[in-house]
ModelCIF file with pLDDT and N, C-alpha, C, O atoms, coordinates in Angstrom:
data_MODEL
#
_entry.id   MODEL 
#
_entity.id                         1 
_entity.type                       polymer 
_entity.pdbx_number_of_molecules   1 
#
_entity_poly.entity_id                      1 
_entity_poly.type                           'polypeptide(L)' 
_entity_poly.nstd_linkage                   no 
_entity_poly.nstd_monomer                   no 
_entity_poly.pdbx_seq_one_letter_code       ALTIALGIGAVSIVGAAARDSTLAEGSELTPDAR 
_entity_poly.pdbx_seq_one_letter_code_can   ALTIALGIGAVSIVGAAARDSTLAEGSELTPDAR 
_entity_poly.pdbx_strand_id                 A 
#
loop_
_entity_poly_seq.entity_id 
_entity_poly_seq.num 
_entity_poly_seq.mon_id 
_entity_poly_seq.hetero 
1 1  ALA n 
1 2  LEU n 
1 3  THR n 
1 4  ILE n 
1 5  ALA n 
1 6  LEU n 
1 7  GLY n 
1 8  ILE n 
1 9  GLY n 
1 10 ALA n 
1 11 VAL n 
1 12 SER n 
1 13 ILE n 
1 14 VAL n 
1 15 GLY n 
1 16 ALA n 
1 17 ALA n 
1 18 ALA n 
1 19 ARG n 
1 20 ASP n 
1 21 SER n 
1 22 THR n 
1 23 LEU n 
1 24 ALA n 
1 25 GLU n 
1 26 GLY n 
1 27 SER n 
1 28 GLU n 
1 29 LEU n 
1 30 THR n 
1 31 PRO n 
1 32 ASP n 
1 33 ALA n 
1 34 ARG n 
#
_struct_asym.id          A 
_struct_asym.entity_id   1 
#
loop_
_ma_qa_metric.id 
_ma_qa_metric.mode 
_ma_qa_metric.name 
_ma_qa_metric.software_group_id 
_ma_qa_metric.type 
1 global pLDDT . pLDDT 
2 local  pLDDT . pLDDT 
#
_ma_qa_metric_global.metric_id      1 
_ma_qa_metric_global.metric_value   88.62 
_ma_qa_metric_global.model_id       1 
_ma_qa_metric_global.ordinal_id     1 
#
loop_
_ma_qa_metric_local.label_asym_id 
_ma_qa_metric_local.label_comp_id 
_ma_qa_metric_local.label_seq_id 
_ma_qa_metric_local.metric_id 
_ma_qa_metric_local.metric_value 
_ma_qa_metric_local.model_id 
_ma_qa_metric_local.ordinal_id 
A ALA 1  2 94.00 1 1  
A LEU 2  2 95.00 1 2  
A THR 3  2 92.00 1 3  
A ILE 4  2 93.00 1 4  
A ALA 5  2 95.00 1 5  
A LEU 6  2 94.00 1 6  
A GLY 7  2 93.00 1 7  
A ILE 8  2 94.00 1 8  
A GLY 9  2 94.00 1 9  
A ALA 10 2 93.00 1 10 
A VAL 11 2 94.00 1 11 
A SER 12 2 94.00 1 12 
A ILE 13 2 94.00 1 13 
A VAL 14 2 94.00 1 14 
A GLY 15 2 92.00 1 15 
A ALA 16 2 91.00 1 16 
A ALA 17 2 91.00 1 17 
A ALA 18 2 89.00 1 18 
A ARG 19 2 89.00 1 19 
A ASP 20 2 87.00 1 20 
A SER 21 2 83.00 1 21 
A THR 22 2 80.00 1 22 
A LEU 23 2 80.00 1 23 
A ALA 24 2 80.00 1 24 
A GLU 25 2 80.00 1 25 
A GLY 26 2 75.00 1 26 
A SER 27 2 81.00 1 27 
A GLU 28 2 83.00 1 28 
A LEU 29 2 83.00 1 29 
A THR 30 2 86.00 1 30 
A PRO 31 2 87.00 1 31 
A ASP 32 2 87.00 1 32 
A ALA 33 2 87.00 1 33 
A ARG 34 2 89.00 1 34 
#
loop_
_atom_site.group_PDB 
_atom_site.id 
_atom_site.type_symbol 
_atom_site.label_atom_id 
_atom_site.label_alt_id 
_atom_site.label_comp_id 
_atom_site.label_asym_id 
_atom_site.label_entity_id 
_atom_site.label_seq_id 
_atom_site.pdbx_PDB_ins_code 
_atom_site.Cartn_x 
_atom_site.Cartn_y 
_atom_site.Cartn_z 
_atom_site.occupancy 
_atom_site.B_iso_or_equiv 
_atom_site.pdbx_formal_charge 
_atom_site.auth_seq_id 
_atom_site.auth_comp_id 
_atom_site.auth_asym_id 
_atom_site.auth_atom_id 
_atom_site.pdbx_PDB_model_num 
ATOM 1   N N  . ALA A 1 1  ? 0.831  -1.208 0.000   1.00 94.00 ? 1  ALA A N  1 
ATOM 2   C CA . ALA A 1 1  ? 0.000  0.000  0.000   1.00 94.00 ? 1  ALA A CA 1 
ATOM 3   C C  . ALA A 1 1  ? 0.863  1.254  0.000   1.00 94.00 ? 1  ALA A C  1 
ATOM 4   O O  . ALA A 1 1  ? 0.569  2.212  -0.715  1.00 94.00 ? 1  ALA A O  1 
ATOM 5   N N  . LEU A 1 2  ? 1.919  1.255  0.792   1.00 95.00 ? 2  LEU A N  1 
ATOM 6   C CA . LEU A 1 2  ? 2.804  2.415  0.817   1.00 95.00 ? 2  LEU A CA 1 
ATOM 7   C C  . LEU A 1 2  ? 3.506  2.607  -0.523  1.00 95.00 ? 2  LEU A C  1 
ATOM 8   O O  . LEU A 1 2  ? 3.695  3.735  -0.979  1.00 95.00 ? 2  LEU A O  1 
ATOM 9   N N  . THR A 1 3  ? 3.889  1.497  -1.149  1.00 92.00 ? 3  THR A N  1 
ATOM 10  C CA . THR A 1 3  ? 4.553  1.588  -2.452  1.00 92.00 ? 3  THR A CA 1 
ATOM 11  C C  . THR A 1 3  ? 3.618  2.202  -3.498  1.00 92.00 ? 3  THR A C  1 
ATOM 12  O O  . THR A 1 3  ? 4.021  3.071  -4.272  1.00 92.00 ? 3  THR A O  1 
ATOM 13  N N  . ILE A 1 4  ? 2.375  1.741  -3.508  1.00 93.00 ? 4  ILE A N  1 
ATOM 14  C CA . ILE A 1 4  ? 1.396  2.303  -4.456  1.00 93.00 ? 4  ILE A CA 1 
ATOM 15  C C  . ILE A 1 4  ? 1.160  3.776  -4.171  1.00 93.00 ? 4  ILE A C  1 
ATOM 16  O O  . ILE A 1 4  ? 1.080  4.586  -5.094  1.00 93.00 ? 4  ILE A O  1 
ATOM 17  N N  . ALA A 1 5  ? 1.049  4.125  -2.893  1.00 95.00 ? 5  ALA A N  1 
ATOM 18  C CA . ALA A 1 5  ? 0.823  5.527  -2.534  1.00 95.00 ? 5  ALA A CA 1 
ATOM 19  C C  . ALA A 1 5  ? 1.998  6.400  -2.959  1.00 95.00 ? 5  ALA A C  1 
ATOM 20  O O  . ALA A 1 5  ? 1.805  7.508  -3.461  1.00 95.00 ? 5  ALA A O  1 
ATOM 21  N N  . LEU A 1 6  ? 3.212  5.900  -2.758  1.00 94.00 ? 6  LEU A N  1 
ATOM 22  C CA . LEU A 1 6  ? 4.376  6.667  -3.183  1.00 94.00 ? 6  LEU A CA 1 
ATOM 23  C C  . LEU A 1 6  ? 4.394  6.867  -4.692  1.00 94.00 ? 6  LEU A C  1 
ATOM 24  O O  . LEU A 1 6  ? 4.724  7.948  -5.181  1.00 94.00 ? 6  LEU A O  1 
ATOM 25  N N  . GLY A 1 7  ? 4.035  5.809  -5.433  1.00 93.00 ? 7  GLY A N  1 
ATOM 26  C CA . GLY A 1 7  ? 3.994  5.934  -6.890  1.00 93.00 ? 7  GLY A CA 1 
ATOM 27  C C  . GLY A 1 7  ? 2.964  6.945  -7.340  1.00 93.00 ? 7  GLY A C  1 
ATOM 28  O O  . GLY A 1 7  ? 3.236  7.787  -8.195  1.00 93.00 ? 7  GLY A O  1 
ATOM 29  N N  . ILE A 1 8  ? 1.769  6.858  -6.757  1.00 94.00 ? 8  ILE A N  1 
ATOM 30  C CA . ILE A 1 8  ? 0.717  7.820  -7.128  1.00 94.00 ? 8  ILE A CA 1 
ATOM 31  C C  . ILE A 1 8  ? 1.145  9.241  -6.760  1.00 94.00 ? 8  ILE A C  1 
ATOM 32  O O  . ILE A 1 8  ? 0.914  10.187 -7.513  1.00 94.00 ? 8  ILE A O  1 
ATOM 33  N N  . GLY A 1 9  ? 1.779  9.375  -5.577  1.00 94.00 ? 9  GLY A N  1 
ATOM 34  C CA . GLY A 1 9  ? 2.242  10.702 -5.167  1.00 94.00 ? 9  GLY A CA 1 
ATOM 35  C C  . GLY A 1 9  ? 3.281  11.262 -6.106  1.00 94.00 ? 9  GLY A C  1 
ATOM 36  O O  . GLY A 1 9  ? 3.244  12.445 -6.445  1.00 94.00 ? 9  GLY A O  1 
ATOM 37  N N  . ALA A 1 10 ? 4.227  10.406 -6.541  1.00 93.00 ? 10 ALA A N  1 
ATOM 38  C CA . ALA A 1 10 ? 5.261  10.875 -7.460  1.00 93.00 ? 10 ALA A CA 1 
ATOM 39  C C  . ALA A 1 10 ? 4.646  11.333 -8.778  1.00 93.00 ? 10 ALA A C  1 
ATOM 40  O O  . ALA A 1 10 ? 5.021  12.380 -9.306  1.00 93.00 ? 10 ALA A O  1 
ATOM 41  N N  . VAL A 1 11 ? 3.695  10.551 -9.317  1.00 94.00 ? 11 VAL A N  1 
ATOM 42  C CA . VAL A 1 11 ? 3.050  10.925 -10.580 1.00 94.00 ? 11 VAL A CA 1 
ATOM 43  C C  . VAL A 1 11 ? 2.296  12.247 -10.434 1.00 94.00 ? 11 VAL A C  1 
ATOM 44  O O  . VAL A 1 11 ? 2.353  13.107 -11.313 1.00 94.00 ? 11 VAL A O  1 
ATOM 45  N N  . SER A 1 12 ? 1.592  12.398 -9.316  1.00 94.00 ? 12 SER A N  1 
ATOM 46  C CA . SER A 1 12 ? 0.806  13.618 -9.095  1.00 94.00 ? 12 SER A CA 1 
ATOM 47  C C  . SER A 1 12 ? 1.709  14.839 -8.958  1.00 94.00 ? 12 SER A C  1 
ATOM 48  O O  . SER A 1 12 ? 1.424  15.895 -9.522  1.00 94.00 ? 12 SER A O  1 
ATOM 49  N N  . ILE A 1 13 ? 2.780  14.692 -8.220  1.00 94.00 ? 13 ILE A N  1 
ATOM 50  C CA . ILE A 1 13 ? 3.676  15.836 -7.995  1.00 94.00 ? 13 ILE A CA 1 
ATOM 51  C C  . ILE A 1 13 ? 4.318  16.279 -9.311  1.00 94.00 ? 13 ILE A C  1 
ATOM 52  O O  . ILE A 1 13 ? 4.366  17.475 -9.597  1.00 94.00 ? 13 ILE A O  1 
ATOM 53  N N  . VAL A 1 14 ? 4.810  15.337 -10.110 1.00 94.00 ? 14 VAL A N  1 
ATOM 54  C CA . VAL A 1 14 ? 5.444  15.699 -11.383 1.00 94.00 ? 14 VAL A CA 1 
ATOM 55  C C  . VAL A 1 14 ? 4.422  16.319 -12.329 1.00 94.00 ? 14 VAL A C  1 
ATOM 56  O O  . VAL A 1 14 ? 4.722  17.292 -13.021 1.00 94.00 ? 14 VAL A O  1 
ATOM 57  N N  . GLY A 1 15 ? 3.215  15.756 -12.358 1.00 92.00 ? 15 GLY A N  1 
ATOM 58  C CA . GLY A 1 15 ? 2.190  16.322 -13.236 1.00 92.00 ? 15 GLY A CA 1 
ATOM 59  C C  . GLY A 1 15 ? 1.821  17.732 -12.847 1.00 92.00 ? 15 GLY A C  1 
ATOM 60  O O  . GLY A 1 15 ? 1.670  18.605 -13.702 1.00 92.00 ? 15 GLY A O  1 
ATOM 61  N N  . ALA A 1 16 ? 1.673  17.958 -11.531 1.00 91.00 ? 16 ALA A N  1 
ATOM 62  C CA . ALA A 1 16 ? 1.334  19.298 -11.077 1.00 91.00 ? 16 ALA A CA 1 
ATOM 63  C C  . ALA A 1 16 ? 2.453  20.290 -11.383 1.00 91.00 ? 16 ALA A C  1 
ATOM 64  O O  . ALA A 1 16 ? 2.198  21.427 -11.778 1.00 91.00 ? 16 ALA A O  1 
ATOM 65  N N  . ALA A 1 17 ? 3.694  19.845 -11.196 1.00 91.00 ? 17 ALA A N  1 
ATOM 66  C CA . ALA A 1 17 ? 4.812  20.746 -11.480 1.00 91.00 ? 17 ALA A CA 1 
ATOM 67  C C  . ALA A 1 17 ? 4.875  21.102 -12.954 1.00 91.00 ? 17 ALA A C  1 
ATOM 68  O O  . ALA A 1 17 ? 5.095  22.262 -13.302 1.00 91.00 ? 17 ALA A O  1 
ATOM 69  N N  . ALA A 1 18 ? 4.683  20.111 -13.830 1.00 89.00 ? 18 ALA A N  1 
ATOM 70  C CA . ALA A 1 18 ? 4.731  20.383 -15.269 1.00 89.00 ? 18 ALA A CA 1 
ATOM 71  C C  . ALA A 1 18 ? 3.563  21.251 -15.703 1.00 89.00 ? 18 ALA A C  1 
ATOM 72  O O  . ALA A 1 18 ? 3.706  22.069 -16.611 1.00 89.00 ? 18 ALA A O  1 
ATOM 73  N N  . ARG A 1 19 ? 2.423  21.087 -15.076 1.00 89.00 ? 19 ARG A N  1 
ATOM 74  C CA . ARG A 1 19 ? 1.221  21.837 -15.481 1.00 89.00 ? 19 ARG A CA 1 
ATOM 75  C C  . ARG A 1 19 ? 1.237  23.276 -14.992 1.00 89.00 ? 19 ARG A C  1 
ATOM 76  O O  . ARG A 1 19 ? 0.825  24.184 -15.714 1.00 89.00 ? 19 ARG A O  1 
ATOM 77  N N  . ASP A 1 20 ? 1.718  23.493 -13.750 1.00 87.00 ? 20 ASP A N  1 
ATOM 78  C CA . ASP A 1 20 ? 1.564  24.805 -13.131 1.00 87.00 ? 20 ASP A CA 1 
ATOM 79  C C  . ASP A 1 20 ? 2.839  25.643 -13.097 1.00 87.00 ? 20 ASP A C  1 
ATOM 80  O O  . ASP A 1 20 ? 2.781  26.833 -12.787 1.00 87.00 ? 20 ASP A O  1 
ATOM 81  N N  . SER A 1 21 ? 3.998  25.040 -13.413 1.00 83.00 ? 21 SER A N  1 
ATOM 82  C CA . SER A 1 21 ? 5.243  25.761 -13.185 1.00 83.00 ? 21 SER A CA 1 
ATOM 83  C C  . SER A 1 21 ? 5.423  26.972 -14.099 1.00 83.00 ? 21 SER A C  1 
ATOM 84  O O  . SER A 1 21 ? 6.115  27.919 -13.726 1.00 83.00 ? 21 SER A O  1 
ATOM 85  N N  . THR A 1 22 ? 4.814  26.964 -15.290 1.00 80.00 ? 22 THR A N  1 
ATOM 86  C CA . THR A 1 22 ? 5.017  28.081 -16.229 1.00 80.00 ? 22 THR A CA 1 
ATOM 87  C C  . THR A 1 22 ? 3.877  29.100 -16.186 1.00 80.00 ? 22 THR A C  1 
ATOM 88  O O  . THR A 1 22 ? 3.911  30.095 -16.910 1.00 80.00 ? 22 THR A O  1 
ATOM 89  N N  . LEU A 1 23 ? 2.880  28.861 -15.353 1.00 80.00 ? 23 LEU A N  1 
ATOM 90  C CA . LEU A 1 23 ? 1.751  29.780 -15.275 1.00 80.00 ? 23 LEU A CA 1 
ATOM 91  C C  . LEU A 1 23 ? 2.060  30.925 -14.328 1.00 80.00 ? 23 LEU A C  1 
ATOM 92  O O  . LEU A 1 23 ? 2.700  30.758 -13.290 1.00 80.00 ? 23 LEU A O  1 
ATOM 93  N N  . ALA A 1 24 ? 1.576  32.101 -14.729 1.00 80.00 ? 24 ALA A N  1 
ATOM 94  C CA . ALA A 1 24 ? 1.712  33.243 -13.838 1.00 80.00 ? 24 ALA A CA 1 
ATOM 95  C C  . ALA A 1 24 ? 0.784  33.090 -12.653 1.00 80.00 ? 24 ALA A C  1 
ATOM 96  O O  . ALA A 1 24 ? -0.235 32.404 -12.732 1.00 80.00 ? 24 ALA A O  1 
ATOM 97  N N  . GLU A 1 25 ? 1.147  33.740 -11.543 1.00 80.00 ? 25 GLU A N  1 
ATOM 98  C CA . GLU A 1 25 ? 0.347  33.627 -10.323 1.00 80.00 ? 25 GLU A CA 1 
ATOM 99  C C  . GLU A 1 25 ? -1.051 34.171 -10.553 1.00 80.00 ? 25 GLU A C  1 
ATOM 100 O O  . GLU A 1 25 ? -1.235 35.289 -11.036 1.00 80.00 ? 25 GLU A O  1 
ATOM 101 N N  . GLY A 1 26 ? -2.052 33.336 -10.187 1.00 75.00 ? 26 GLY A N  1 
ATOM 102 C CA . GLY A 1 26 ? -3.443 33.745 -10.307 1.00 75.00 ? 26 GLY A CA 1 
ATOM 103 C C  . GLY A 1 26 ? -4.062 33.518 -11.668 1.00 75.00 ? 26 GLY A C  1 
ATOM 104 O O  . GLY A 1 26 ? -5.261 33.743 -11.836 1.00 75.00 ? 26 GLY A O  1 
ATOM 105 N N  . SER A 1 27 ? -3.283 33.079 -12.648 1.00 81.00 ? 27 SER A N  1 
ATOM 106 C CA . SER A 1 27 ? -3.835 32.866 -13.989 1.00 81.00 ? 27 SER A CA 1 
ATOM 107 C C  . SER A 1 27 ? -4.593 31.548 -14.072 1.00 81.00 ? 27 SER A C  1 
ATOM 108 O O  . SER A 1 27 ? -4.375 30.643 -13.266 1.00 81.00 ? 27 SER A O  1 
ATOM 109 N N  . GLU A 1 28 ? -5.489 31.448 -15.059 1.00 83.00 ? 28 GLU A N  1 
ATOM 110 C CA . GLU A 1 28 ? -6.273 30.245 -15.277 1.00 83.00 ? 28 GLU A CA 1 
ATOM 111 C C  . GLU A 1 28 ? -5.445 29.200 -16.024 1.00 83.00 ? 28 GLU A C  1 
ATOM 112 O O  . GLU A 1 28 ? -4.541 29.529 -16.792 1.00 83.00 ? 28 GLU A O  1 
ATOM 113 N N  . LEU A 1 29 ? -5.784 27.916 -15.774 1.00 83.00 ? 29 LEU A N  1 
ATOM 114 C CA . LEU A 1 29 ? -5.125 26.832 -16.505 1.00 83.00 ? 29 LEU A CA 1 
ATOM 115 C C  . LEU A 1 29 ? -5.535 26.879 -17.968 1.00 83.00 ? 29 LEU A C  1 
ATOM 116 O O  . LEU A 1 29 ? -6.700 27.090 -18.306 1.00 83.00 ? 29 LEU A O  1 
ATOM 117 N N  . THR A 1 30 ? -4.549 26.677 -18.819 1.00 86.00 ? 30 THR A N  1 
ATOM 118 C CA . THR A 1 30 ? -4.832 26.651 -20.249 1.00 86.00 ? 30 THR A CA 1 
ATOM 119 C C  . THR A 1 30 ? -4.879 25.197 -20.716 1.00 86.00 ? 30 THR A C  1 
ATOM 120 O O  . THR A 1 30 ? -4.361 24.311 -20.035 1.00 86.00 ? 30 THR A O  1 
ATOM 121 N N  . PRO A 1 31 ? -5.500 24.945 -21.880 1.00 87.00 ? 31 PRO A N  1 
ATOM 122 C CA . PRO A 1 31 ? -5.494 23.573 -22.421 1.00 87.00 ? 31 PRO A CA 1 
ATOM 123 C C  . PRO A 1 31 ? -4.081 23.050 -22.624 1.00 87.00 ? 31 PRO A C  1 
ATOM 124 O O  . PRO A 1 31 ? -3.824 21.867 -22.398 1.00 87.00 ? 31 PRO A O  1 
ATOM 125 N N  . ASP A 1 32 ? -3.150 23.919 -23.053 1.00 87.00 ? 32 ASP A N  1 
ATOM 126 C CA . ASP A 1 32 ? -1.769 23.462 -23.227 1.00 87.00 ? 32 ASP A CA 1 
ATOM 127 C C  . ASP A 1 32 ? -1.152 23.030 -21.902 1.00 87.00 ? 32 ASP A C  1 
ATOM 128 O O  . ASP A 1 32 ? -0.425 22.039 -21.834 1.00 87.00 ? 32 ASP A O  1 
ATOM 129 N N  . ALA A 1 33 ? -1.453 23.788 -20.852 1.00 87.00 ? 33 ALA A N  1 
ATOM 130 C CA . ALA A 1 33 ? -0.904 23.425 -19.527 1.00 87.00 ? 33 ALA A CA 1 
ATOM 131 C C  . ALA A 1 33 ? -1.451 22.086 -19.060 1.00 87.00 ? 33 ALA A C  1 
ATOM 132 O O  . ALA A 1 33 ? -0.728 21.264 -18.496 1.00 87.00 ? 33 ALA A O  1 
ATOM 133 N N  . ARG A 1 34 ? -2.756 21.879 -19.308 1.00 89.00 ? 34 ARG A N  1 
ATOM 134 C CA . ARG A 1 34 ? -3.344 20.599 -18.901 1.00 89.00 ? 34 ARG A CA 1 
ATOM 135 C C  . ARG A 1 34 ? -2.711 19.443 -19.697 1.00 89.00 ? 34 ARG A C  1 
ATOM 136 O O  . ARG A 1 34 ? -3.075 18.284 -19.497 1.00 89.00 ? 34 ARG A O  1 
#
């Protein structure tokens, strides 16, 4: 269970970083970012 949770956490963290890292503060998500 911990291994699965760590894997899901790693995927979520990388996805969030790739999606939100280039957006300006307070801006809406764009289709490209998603």
